[in-house]
Amino acid sequence: AVLEKGWLGSGNIGRNTTIIRSNYMLPGNNPFYEWSMKLWENLE
């Protein structure tokens, strides 16, 4: 179950500026955000 106190997507997911990128430098961040970019590329 997913519990949402408002309506679906009423928080930050519906309030941001829509940017996606993976231009990070540090080892802890770079592989993670690049994996996110690869998931974005096939998400639809």
ModelCIF file with pLDDT and N, C-alpha, C, O atoms, coordinates in Angstrom:
data_MODEL
#
_entry.id   MODEL 
#
_entity.id                         1 
_entity.type                       polymer 
_entity.pdbx_number_of_molecules   1 
#
_entity_poly.entity_id                      1 
_entity_poly.type                           'polypeptide(L)' 
_entity_poly.nstd_linkage                   no 
_entity_poly.nstd_monomer                   no 
_entity_poly.pdbx_seq_one_letter_code       AVLEKGWLGSGNIGRNTTIIRSNYMLPGNNPFYEWSMKLWENLE 
_entity_poly.pdbx_seq_one_letter_code_can   AVLEKGWLGSGNIGRNTTIIRSNYMLPGNNPFYEWSMKLWENLE 
_entity_poly.pdbx_strand_id                 A 
#
loop_
_entity_poly_seq.entity_id 
_entity_poly_seq.num 
_entity_poly_seq.mon_id 
_entity_poly_seq.hetero 
1 1  ALA n 
1 2  VAL n 
1 3  LEU n 
1 4  GLU n 
1 5  LYS n 
1 6  GLY n 
1 7  TRP n 
1 8  LEU n 
1 9  GLY n 
1 10 SER n 
1 11 GLY n 
1 12 ASN n 
1 13 ILE n 
1 14 GLY n 
1 15 ARG n 
1 16 ASN n 
1 17 THR n 
1 18 THR n 
1 19 ILE n 
1 20 ILE n 
1 21 ARG n 
1 22 SER n 
1 23 ASN n 
1 24 TYR n 
1 25 MET n 
1 26 LEU n 
1 27 PRO n 
1 28 GLY n 
1 29 ASN n 
1 30 ASN n 
1 31 PRO n 
1 32 PHE n 
1 33 TYR n 
1 34 GLU n 
1 35 TRP n 
1 36 SER n 
1 37 MET n 
1 38 LYS n 
1 39 LEU n 
1 40 TRP n 
1 41 GLU n 
1 42 ASN n 
1 43 LEU n 
1 44 GLU n 
#
_struct_asym.id          A 
_struct_asym.entity_id   1 
#
loop_
_ma_qa_metric.id 
_ma_qa_metric.mode 
_ma_qa_metric.name 
_ma_qa_metric.software_group_id 
_ma_qa_metric.type 
1 global pLDDT . pLDDT 
2 local  pLDDT . pLDDT 
#
_ma_qa_metric_global.metric_id      1 
_ma_qa_metric_global.metric_value   93.45 
_ma_qa_metric_global.model_id       1 
_ma_qa_metric_global.ordinal_id     1 
#
loop_
_ma_qa_metric_local.label_asym_id 
_ma_qa_metric_local.label_comp_id 
_ma_qa_metric_local.label_seq_id 
_ma_qa_metric_local.metric_id 
_ma_qa_metric_local.metric_value 
_ma_qa_metric_local.model_id 
_ma_qa_metric_local.ordinal_id 
A ALA 1  2 98.00 1 1  
A VAL 2  2 98.00 1 2  
A LEU 3  2 98.00 1 3  
A GLU 4  2 97.00 1 4  
A LYS 5  2 95.00 1 5  
A GLY 6  2 92.00 1 6  
A TRP 7  2 92.00 1 7  
A LEU 8  2 90.00 1 8  
A GLY 9  2 85.00 1 9  
A SER 10 2 87.00 1 10 
A GLY 11 2 87.00 1 11 
A ASN 12 2 89.00 1 12 
A ILE 13 2 89.00 1 13 
A GLY 14 2 86.00 1 14 
A ARG 15 2 86.00 1 15 
A ASN 16 2 87.00 1 16 
A THR 17 2 86.00 1 17 
A THR 18 2 90.00 1 18 
A ILE 19 2 95.00 1 19 
A ILE 20 2 96.00 1 20 
A ARG 21 2 96.00 1 21 
A SER 22 2 95.00 1 22 
A ASN 23 2 95.00 1 23 
A TYR 24 2 95.00 1 24 
A MET 25 2 94.00 1 25 
A LEU 26 2 93.00 1 26 
A PRO 27 2 91.00 1 27 
A GLY 28 2 91.00 1 28 
A ASN 29 2 94.00 1 29 
A ASN 30 2 94.00 1 30 
A PRO 31 2 95.00 1 31 
A PHE 32 2 97.00 1 32 
A TYR 33 2 97.00 1 33 
A GLU 34 2 97.00 1 34 
A TRP 35 2 97.00 1 35 
A SER 36 2 97.00 1 36 
A MET 37 2 97.00 1 37 
A LYS 38 2 97.00 1 38 
A LEU 39 2 97.00 1 39 
A TRP 40 2 97.00 1 40 
A GLU 41 2 96.00 1 41 
A ASN 42 2 95.00 1 42 
A LEU 43 2 96.00 1 43 
A GLU 44 2 96.00 1 44 
#
loop_
_atom_site.group_PDB 
_atom_site.id 
_atom_site.type_symbol 
_atom_site.label_atom_id 
_atom_site.label_alt_id 
_atom_site.label_comp_id 
_atom_site.label_asym_id 
_atom_site.label_entity_id 
_atom_site.label_seq_id 
_atom_site.pdbx_PDB_ins_code 
_atom_site.Cartn_x 
_atom_site.Cartn_y 
_atom_site.Cartn_z 
_atom_site.occupancy 
_atom_site.B_iso_or_equiv 
_atom_site.pdbx_formal_charge 
_atom_site.auth_seq_id 
_atom_site.auth_comp_id 
_atom_site.auth_asym_id 
_atom_site.auth_atom_id 
_atom_site.pdbx_PDB_model_num 
ATOM 1   N N  . ALA A 1 1  ? 0.839  -1.196 0.000   1.00 98.00 ? 1  ALA A N  1 
ATOM 2   C CA . ALA A 1 1  ? 0.000  0.000  0.000   1.00 98.00 ? 1  ALA A CA 1 
ATOM 3   C C  . ALA A 1 1  ? 0.872  1.243  0.000   1.00 98.00 ? 1  ALA A C  1 
ATOM 4   O O  . ALA A 1 1  ? 1.922  1.275  0.643   1.00 98.00 ? 1  ALA A O  1 
ATOM 5   N N  . VAL A 1 2  ? 0.435  2.268  -0.723  1.00 98.00 ? 2  VAL A N  1 
ATOM 6   C CA . VAL A 1 2  ? 1.044  3.593  -0.682  1.00 98.00 ? 2  VAL A CA 1 
ATOM 7   C C  . VAL A 1 2  ? 0.047  4.532  -0.031  1.00 98.00 ? 2  VAL A C  1 
ATOM 8   O O  . VAL A 1 2  ? -1.081 4.665  -0.506  1.00 98.00 ? 2  VAL A O  1 
ATOM 9   N N  . LEU A 1 3  ? 0.452  5.189  1.060   1.00 98.00 ? 3  LEU A N  1 
ATOM 10  C CA . LEU A 1 3  ? -0.440 6.085  1.795   1.00 98.00 ? 3  LEU A CA 1 
ATOM 11  C C  . LEU A 1 3  ? -0.053 7.531  1.494   1.00 98.00 ? 3  LEU A C  1 
ATOM 12  O O  . LEU A 1 3  ? 1.095  7.927  1.693   1.00 98.00 ? 3  LEU A O  1 
ATOM 13  N N  . GLU A 1 4  ? -1.005 8.306  1.020   1.00 97.00 ? 4  GLU A N  1 
ATOM 14  C CA . GLU A 1 4  ? -0.778 9.710  0.684   1.00 97.00 ? 4  GLU A CA 1 
ATOM 15  C C  . GLU A 1 4  ? -1.787 10.574 1.438   1.00 97.00 ? 4  GLU A C  1 
ATOM 16  O O  . GLU A 1 4  ? -2.994 10.353 1.339   1.00 97.00 ? 4  GLU A O  1 
ATOM 17  N N  . LYS A 1 5  ? -1.293 11.555 2.190   1.00 95.00 ? 5  LYS A N  1 
ATOM 18  C CA . LYS A 1 5  ? -2.208 12.349 3.023   1.00 95.00 ? 5  LYS A CA 1 
ATOM 19  C C  . LYS A 1 5  ? -3.061 13.307 2.197   1.00 95.00 ? 5  LYS A C  1 
ATOM 20  O O  . LYS A 1 5  ? -4.147 13.694 2.628   1.00 95.00 ? 5  LYS A O  1 
ATOM 21  N N  . GLY A 1 6  ? -2.580 13.696 1.011   1.00 92.00 ? 6  GLY A N  1 
ATOM 22  C CA . GLY A 1 6  ? -3.362 14.550 0.133   1.00 92.00 ? 6  GLY A CA 1 
ATOM 23  C C  . GLY A 1 6  ? -3.842 13.764 -1.061  1.00 92.00 ? 6  GLY A C  1 
ATOM 24  O O  . GLY A 1 6  ? -4.322 12.637 -0.931  1.00 92.00 ? 6  GLY A O  1 
ATOM 25  N N  . TRP A 1 7  ? -3.707 14.373 -2.235  1.00 92.00 ? 7  TRP A N  1 
ATOM 26  C CA . TRP A 1 7  ? -3.993 13.637 -3.460  1.00 92.00 ? 7  TRP A CA 1 
ATOM 27  C C  . TRP A 1 7  ? -2.681 13.231 -4.103  1.00 92.00 ? 7  TRP A C  1 
ATOM 28  O O  . TRP A 1 7  ? -1.626 13.787 -3.800  1.00 92.00 ? 7  TRP A O  1 
ATOM 29  N N  . LEU A 1 8  ? -2.758 12.277 -4.973  1.00 90.00 ? 8  LEU A N  1 
ATOM 30  C CA . LEU A 1 8  ? -1.560 11.696 -5.568  1.00 90.00 ? 8  LEU A CA 1 
ATOM 31  C C  . LEU A 1 8  ? -0.747 12.755 -6.328  1.00 90.00 ? 8  LEU A C  1 
ATOM 32  O O  . LEU A 1 8  ? -1.277 13.440 -7.203  1.00 90.00 ? 8  LEU A O  1 
ATOM 33  N N  . GLY A 1 9  ? 0.522  12.879 -5.992  1.00 85.00 ? 9  GLY A N  1 
ATOM 34  C CA . GLY A 1 9  ? 1.380  13.844 -6.656  1.00 85.00 ? 9  GLY A CA 1 
ATOM 35  C C  . GLY A 1 9  ? 1.191  15.270 -6.195  1.00 85.00 ? 9  GLY A C  1 
ATOM 36  O O  . GLY A 1 9  ? 1.573  16.197 -6.910  1.00 85.00 ? 9  GLY A O  1 
ATOM 37  N N  . SER A 1 10 ? 0.610  15.481 -5.018  1.00 87.00 ? 10 SER A N  1 
ATOM 38  C CA . SER A 1 10 ? 0.333  16.840 -4.546  1.00 87.00 ? 10 SER A CA 1 
ATOM 39  C C  . SER A 1 10 ? 1.524  17.479 -3.852  1.00 87.00 ? 10 SER A C  1 
ATOM 40  O O  . SER A 1 10 ? 1.470  18.655 -3.495  1.00 87.00 ? 10 SER A O  1 
ATOM 41  N N  . GLY A 1 11 ? 2.593  16.729 -3.658  1.00 87.00 ? 11 GLY A N  1 
ATOM 42  C CA . GLY A 1 11 ? 3.771  17.272 -2.987  1.00 87.00 ? 11 GLY A CA 1 
ATOM 43  C C  . GLY A 1 11 ? 4.806  17.776 -3.970  1.00 87.00 ? 11 GLY A C  1 
ATOM 44  O O  . GLY A 1 11 ? 4.469  18.411 -4.969  1.00 87.00 ? 11 GLY A O  1 
ATOM 45  N N  . ASN A 1 12 ? 6.075  17.490 -3.685  1.00 89.00 ? 12 ASN A N  1 
ATOM 46  C CA . ASN A 1 12 ? 7.164  18.044 -4.486  1.00 89.00 ? 12 ASN A CA 1 
ATOM 47  C C  . ASN A 1 12 ? 7.189  17.534 -5.920  1.00 89.00 ? 12 ASN A C  1 
ATOM 48  O O  . ASN A 1 12 ? 7.686  18.230 -6.806  1.00 89.00 ? 12 ASN A O  1 
ATOM 49  N N  . ILE A 1 13 ? 6.665  16.333 -6.172  1.00 89.00 ? 13 ILE A N  1 
ATOM 50  C CA . ILE A 1 13 ? 6.691  15.795 -7.535  1.00 89.00 ? 13 ILE A CA 1 
ATOM 51  C C  . ILE A 1 13 ? 5.890  16.692 -8.483  1.00 89.00 ? 13 ILE A C  1 
ATOM 52  O O  . ILE A 1 13 ? 6.180  16.737 -9.678  1.00 89.00 ? 13 ILE A O  1 
ATOM 53  N N  . GLY A 1 14 ? 4.894  17.398 -7.968  1.00 86.00 ? 14 GLY A N  1 
ATOM 54  C CA . GLY A 1 14 ? 4.114  18.306 -8.801  1.00 86.00 ? 14 GLY A CA 1 
ATOM 55  C C  . GLY A 1 14 ? 4.525  19.754 -8.660  1.00 86.00 ? 14 GLY A C  1 
ATOM 56  O O  . GLY A 1 14 ? 3.819  20.645 -9.134  1.00 86.00 ? 14 GLY A O  1 
ATOM 57  N N  . ARG A 1 15 ? 5.680  20.015 -8.003  1.00 86.00 ? 15 ARG A N  1 
ATOM 58  C CA . ARG A 1 15 ? 6.067  21.387 -7.692  1.00 86.00 ? 15 ARG A CA 1 
ATOM 59  C C  . ARG A 1 15 ? 7.497  21.725 -8.108  1.00 86.00 ? 15 ARG A C  1 
ATOM 60  O O  . ARG A 1 15 ? 8.013  22.778 -7.731  1.00 86.00 ? 15 ARG A O  1 
ATOM 61  N N  . ASN A 1 16 ? 8.136  20.864 -8.866  1.00 87.00 ? 16 ASN A N  1 
ATOM 62  C CA . ASN A 1 16 ? 9.543  21.109 -9.184  1.00 87.00 ? 16 ASN A CA 1 
ATOM 63  C C  . ASN A 1 16 ? 9.691  21.695 -10.579 1.00 87.00 ? 16 ASN A C  1 
ATOM 64  O O  . ASN A 1 16 ? 8.700  21.979 -11.252 1.00 87.00 ? 16 ASN A O  1 
ATOM 65  N N  . THR A 1 17 ? 10.941 21.874 -11.009 1.00 86.00 ? 17 THR A N  1 
ATOM 66  C CA . THR A 1 17 ? 11.214 22.525 -12.297 1.00 86.00 ? 17 THR A CA 1 
ATOM 67  C C  . THR A 1 17 ? 11.633 21.527 -13.376 1.00 86.00 ? 17 THR A C  1 
ATOM 68  O O  . THR A 1 17 ? 12.248 21.918 -14.368 1.00 86.00 ? 17 THR A O  1 
ATOM 69  N N  . THR A 1 18 ? 11.316 20.269 -13.200 1.00 90.00 ? 18 THR A N  1 
ATOM 70  C CA . THR A 1 18 ? 11.281 19.225 -14.249 1.00 90.00 ? 18 THR A CA 1 
ATOM 71  C C  . THR A 1 18 ? 12.639 18.798 -14.797 1.00 90.00 ? 18 THR A C  1 
ATOM 72  O O  . THR A 1 18 ? 12.676 18.063 -15.784 1.00 90.00 ? 18 THR A O  1 
ATOM 73  N N  . ILE A 1 19 ? 13.754 19.220 -14.208 1.00 95.00 ? 19 ILE A N  1 
ATOM 74  C CA . ILE A 1 19 ? 15.070 18.969 -14.805 1.00 95.00 ? 19 ILE A CA 1 
ATOM 75  C C  . ILE A 1 19 ? 15.586 17.585 -14.417 1.00 95.00 ? 19 ILE A C  1 
ATOM 76  O O  . ILE A 1 19 ? 15.459 17.166 -13.267 1.00 95.00 ? 19 ILE A O  1 
ATOM 77  N N  . ILE A 1 20 ? 16.173 16.876 -15.396 1.00 96.00 ? 20 ILE A N  1 
ATOM 78  C CA . ILE A 1 20 ? 16.875 15.616 -15.128 1.00 96.00 ? 20 ILE A CA 1 
ATOM 79  C C  . ILE A 1 20 ? 18.309 15.737 -15.631 1.00 96.00 ? 20 ILE A C  1 
ATOM 80  O O  . ILE A 1 20 ? 18.554 16.334 -16.680 1.00 96.00 ? 20 ILE A O  1 
ATOM 81  N N  . ARG A 1 21 ? 19.244 15.178 -14.896 1.00 96.00 ? 21 ARG A N  1 
ATOM 82  C CA . ARG A 1 21 ? 20.659 15.224 -15.275 1.00 96.00 ? 21 ARG A CA 1 
ATOM 83  C C  . ARG A 1 21 ? 21.417 14.210 -14.431 1.00 96.00 ? 21 ARG A C  1 
ATOM 84  O O  . ARG A 1 21 ? 20.899 13.706 -13.435 1.00 96.00 ? 21 ARG A O  1 
ATOM 85  N N  . SER A 1 22 ? 22.648 13.916 -14.839 1.00 95.00 ? 22 SER A N  1 
ATOM 86  C CA . SER A 1 22 ? 23.505 13.036 -14.038 1.00 95.00 ? 22 SER A CA 1 
ATOM 87  C C  . SER A 1 22 ? 24.931 13.575 -14.031 1.00 95.00 ? 22 SER A C  1 
ATOM 88  O O  . SER A 1 22 ? 25.887 12.800 -14.063 1.00 95.00 ? 22 SER A O  1 
ATOM 89  N N  . ASN A 1 23 ? 25.078 14.897 -13.990 1.00 95.00 ? 23 ASN A N  1 
ATOM 90  C CA . ASN A 1 23 ? 26.404 15.519 -14.068 1.00 95.00 ? 23 ASN A CA 1 
ATOM 91  C C  . ASN A 1 23 ? 26.992 15.735 -12.679 1.00 95.00 ? 23 ASN A C  1 
ATOM 92  O O  . ASN A 1 23 ? 27.291 16.862 -12.283 1.00 95.00 ? 23 ASN A O  1 
ATOM 93  N N  . TYR A 1 24 ? 27.151 14.648 -11.955 1.00 95.00 ? 24 TYR A N  1 
ATOM 94  C CA . TYR A 1 24 ? 27.743 14.686 -10.622 1.00 95.00 ? 24 TYR A CA 1 
ATOM 95  C C  . TYR A 1 24 ? 29.197 14.213 -10.677 1.00 95.00 ? 24 TYR A C  1 
ATOM 96  O O  . TYR A 1 24 ? 29.610 13.546 -11.626 1.00 95.00 ? 24 TYR A O  1 
ATOM 97  N N  . MET A 1 25 ? 29.968 14.570 -9.641  1.00 94.00 ? 25 MET A N  1 
ATOM 98  C CA . MET A 1 25 ? 31.398 14.293 -9.660  1.00 94.00 ? 25 MET A CA 1 
ATOM 99  C C  . MET A 1 25 ? 31.815 13.189 -8.684  1.00 94.00 ? 25 MET A C  1 
ATOM 100 O O  . MET A 1 25 ? 32.658 12.358 -9.022  1.00 94.00 ? 25 MET A O  1 
ATOM 101 N N  . LEU A 1 26 ? 31.243 13.169 -7.490  1.00 93.00 ? 26 LEU A N  1 
ATOM 102 C CA . LEU A 1 26 ? 31.745 12.276 -6.446  1.00 93.00 ? 26 LEU A CA 1 
ATOM 103 C C  . LEU A 1 26 ? 31.315 10.828 -6.669  1.00 93.00 ? 26 LEU A C  1 
ATOM 104 O O  . LEU A 1 26 ? 30.238 10.577 -7.208  1.00 93.00 ? 26 LEU A O  1 
ATOM 105 N N  . PRO A 1 27 ? 32.147 9.882  -6.260  1.00 91.00 ? 27 PRO A N  1 
ATOM 106 C CA . PRO A 1 27 ? 31.862 8.454  -6.504  1.00 91.00 ? 27 PRO A CA 1 
ATOM 107 C C  . PRO A 1 27 ? 30.531 7.978  -5.926  1.00 91.00 ? 27 PRO A C  1 
ATOM 108 O O  . PRO A 1 27 ? 29.882 7.117  -6.520  1.00 91.00 ? 27 PRO A O  1 
ATOM 109 N N  . GLY A 1 28 ? 30.113 8.516  -4.788  1.00 91.00 ? 28 GLY A N  1 
ATOM 110 C CA . GLY A 1 28 ? 28.845 8.090  -4.206  1.00 91.00 ? 28 GLY A CA 1 
ATOM 111 C C  . GLY A 1 28 ? 27.638 8.534  -4.999  1.00 91.00 ? 28 GLY A C  1 
ATOM 112 O O  . GLY A 1 28 ? 26.601 7.871  -4.991  1.00 91.00 ? 28 GLY A O  1 
ATOM 113 N N  . ASN A 1 29 ? 27.775 9.674  -5.694  1.00 94.00 ? 29 ASN A N  1 
ATOM 114 C CA . ASN A 1 29 ? 26.647 10.246 -6.432  1.00 94.00 ? 29 ASN A CA 1 
ATOM 115 C C  . ASN A 1 29 ? 26.596 9.837  -7.899  1.00 94.00 ? 29 ASN A C  1 
ATOM 116 O O  . ASN A 1 29 ? 25.529 9.522  -8.426  1.00 94.00 ? 29 ASN A O  1 
ATOM 117 N N  . ASN A 1 30 ? 27.756 9.842  -8.557  1.00 94.00 ? 30 ASN A N  1 
ATOM 118 C CA . ASN A 1 30 ? 27.785 9.708  -10.010 1.00 94.00 ? 30 ASN A CA 1 
ATOM 119 C C  . ASN A 1 30 ? 27.132 8.424  -10.526 1.00 94.00 ? 30 ASN A C  1 
ATOM 120 O O  . ASN A 1 30 ? 26.270 8.509  -11.401 1.00 94.00 ? 30 ASN A O  1 
ATOM 121 N N  . PRO A 1 31 ? 27.497 7.248  -10.030 1.00 95.00 ? 31 PRO A N  1 
ATOM 122 C CA . PRO A 1 31 ? 26.855 6.020  -10.548 1.00 95.00 ? 31 PRO A CA 1 
ATOM 123 C C  . PRO A 1 31 ? 25.365 5.977  -10.273 1.00 95.00 ? 31 PRO A C  1 
ATOM 124 O O  . PRO A 1 31 ? 24.594 5.474  -11.090 1.00 95.00 ? 31 PRO A O  1 
ATOM 125 N N  . PHE A 1 32 ? 24.953 6.504  -9.125  1.00 97.00 ? 32 PHE A N  1 
ATOM 126 C CA . PHE A 1 32 ? 23.529 6.491  -8.769  1.00 97.00 ? 32 PHE A CA 1 
ATOM 127 C C  . PHE A 1 32 ? 22.717 7.340  -9.731  1.00 97.00 ? 32 PHE A C  1 
ATOM 128 O O  . PHE A 1 32 ? 21.707 6.875  -10.258 1.00 97.00 ? 32 PHE A O  1 
ATOM 129 N N  . TYR A 1 33 ? 23.138 8.576  -9.971  1.00 97.00 ? 33 TYR A N  1 
ATOM 130 C CA . TYR A 1 33 ? 22.378 9.466  -10.842 1.00 97.00 ? 33 TYR A CA 1 
ATOM 131 C C  . TYR A 1 33 ? 22.472 9.041  -12.307 1.00 97.00 ? 33 TYR A C  1 
ATOM 132 O O  . TYR A 1 33 ? 21.551 9.302  -13.082 1.00 97.00 ? 33 TYR A O  1 
ATOM 133 N N  . GLU A 1 34 ? 23.562 8.396  -12.694 1.00 97.00 ? 34 GLU A N  1 
ATOM 134 C CA . GLU A 1 34 ? 23.644 7.885  -14.059 1.00 97.00 ? 34 GLU A CA 1 
ATOM 135 C C  . GLU A 1 34 ? 22.678 6.715  -14.249 1.00 97.00 ? 34 GLU A C  1 
ATOM 136 O O  . GLU A 1 34 ? 22.084 6.566  -15.317 1.00 97.00 ? 34 GLU A O  1 
ATOM 137 N N  . TRP A 1 35 ? 22.520 5.891  -13.220 1.00 97.00 ? 35 TRP A N  1 
ATOM 138 C CA . TRP A 1 35 ? 21.529 4.814  -13.303 1.00 97.00 ? 35 TRP A CA 1 
ATOM 139 C C  . TRP A 1 35 ? 20.123 5.409  -13.411 1.00 97.00 ? 35 TRP A C  1 
ATOM 140 O O  . TRP A 1 35 ? 19.270 4.885  -14.127 1.00 97.00 ? 35 TRP A O  1 
ATOM 141 N N  . SER A 1 36 ? 19.897 6.498  -12.699 1.00 97.00 ? 36 SER A N  1 
ATOM 142 C CA . SER A 1 36 ? 18.616 7.175  -12.807 1.00 97.00 ? 36 SER A CA 1 
ATOM 143 C C  . SER A 1 36 ? 18.389 7.685  -14.227 1.00 97.00 ? 36 SER A C  1 
ATOM 144 O O  . SER A 1 36 ? 17.285 7.571  -14.759 1.00 97.00 ? 36 SER A O  1 
ATOM 145 N N  . MET A 1 37 ? 19.431 8.247  -14.841 1.00 97.00 ? 37 MET A N  1 
ATOM 146 C CA . MET A 1 37 ? 19.310 8.739  -16.216 1.00 97.00 ? 37 MET A CA 1 
ATOM 147 C C  . MET A 1 37 ? 18.983 7.604  -17.183 1.00 97.00 ? 37 MET A C  1 
ATOM 148 O O  . MET A 1 37 ? 18.176 7.776  -18.096 1.00 97.00 ? 37 MET A O  1 
ATOM 149 N N  . LYS A 1 38 ? 19.606 6.452  -16.983 1.00 97.00 ? 38 LYS A N  1 
ATOM 150 C CA . LYS A 1 38 ? 19.328 5.305  -17.856 1.00 97.00 ? 38 LYS A CA 1 
ATOM 151 C C  . LYS A 1 38 ? 17.889 4.822  -17.686 1.00 97.00 ? 38 LYS A C  1 
ATOM 152 O O  . LYS A 1 38 ? 17.251 4.407  -18.654 1.00 97.00 ? 38 LYS A O  1 
ATOM 153 N N  . LEU A 1 39 ? 17.382 4.878  -16.457 1.00 97.00 ? 39 LEU A N  1 
ATOM 154 C CA . LEU A 1 39 ? 15.984 4.515  -16.241 1.00 97.00 ? 39 LEU A CA 1 
ATOM 155 C C  . LEU A 1 39 ? 15.045 5.540  -16.875 1.00 97.00 ? 39 LEU A C  1 
ATOM 156 O O  . LEU A 1 39 ? 14.003 5.174  -17.418 1.00 97.00 ? 39 LEU A O  1 
ATOM 157 N N  . TRP A 1 40 ? 15.408 6.816  -16.809 1.00 97.00 ? 40 TRP A N  1 
ATOM 158 C CA . TRP A 1 40 ? 14.599 7.850  -17.466 1.00 97.00 ? 40 TRP A CA 1 
ATOM 159 C C  . TRP A 1 40 ? 14.483 7.576  -18.966 1.00 97.00 ? 40 TRP A C  1 
ATOM 160 O O  . TRP A 1 40 ? 13.417 7.751  -19.557 1.00 97.00 ? 40 TRP A O  1 
ATOM 161 N N  . GLU A 1 41 ? 15.576 7.152  -19.564 1.00 96.00 ? 41 GLU A N  1 
ATOM 162 C CA . GLU A 1 41 ? 15.613 7.014  -21.017 1.00 96.00 ? 41 GLU A CA 1 
ATOM 163 C C  . GLU A 1 41 ? 14.641 5.959  -21.538 1.00 96.00 ? 41 GLU A C  1 
ATOM 164 O O  . GLU A 1 41 ? 14.239 6.011  -22.700 1.00 96.00 ? 41 GLU A O  1 
ATOM 165 N N  . ASN A 1 42 ? 14.263 5.011  -20.699 1.00 95.00 ? 42 ASN A N  1 
ATOM 166 C CA . ASN A 1 42 ? 13.338 3.958  -21.128 1.00 95.00 ? 42 ASN A CA 1 
ATOM 167 C C  . ASN A 1 42 ? 12.049 3.952  -20.314 1.00 95.00 ? 42 ASN A C  1 
ATOM 168 O O  . ASN A 1 42 ? 11.265 3.005  -20.381 1.00 95.00 ? 42 ASN A O  1 
ATOM 169 N N  . LEU A 1 43 ? 11.838 5.022  -19.545 1.00 96.00 ? 43 LEU A N  1 
ATOM 170 C CA . LEU A 1 43 ? 10.754 5.004  -18.568 1.00 96.00 ? 43 LEU A CA 1 
ATOM 171 C C  . LEU A 1 43 ? 9.373  4.942  -19.214 1.00 96.00 ? 43 LEU A C  1 
ATOM 172 O O  . LEU A 1 43 ? 8.510  4.187  -18.765 1.00 96.00 ? 43 LEU A O  1 
ATOM 173 N N  . GLU A 1 44 ? 9.161  5.732  -20.266 1.00 96.00 ? 44 GLU A N  1 
ATOM 174 C CA . GLU A 1 44 ? 7.823  5.791  -20.872 1.00 96.00 ? 44 GLU A CA 1 
ATOM 175 C C  . GLU A 1 44 ? 7.396  4.438  -21.434 1.00 96.00 ? 44 GLU A C  1 
ATOM 176 O O  . GLU A 1 44 ? 6.298  4.314  -21.978 1.00 96.00 ? 44 GLU A O  1 
#
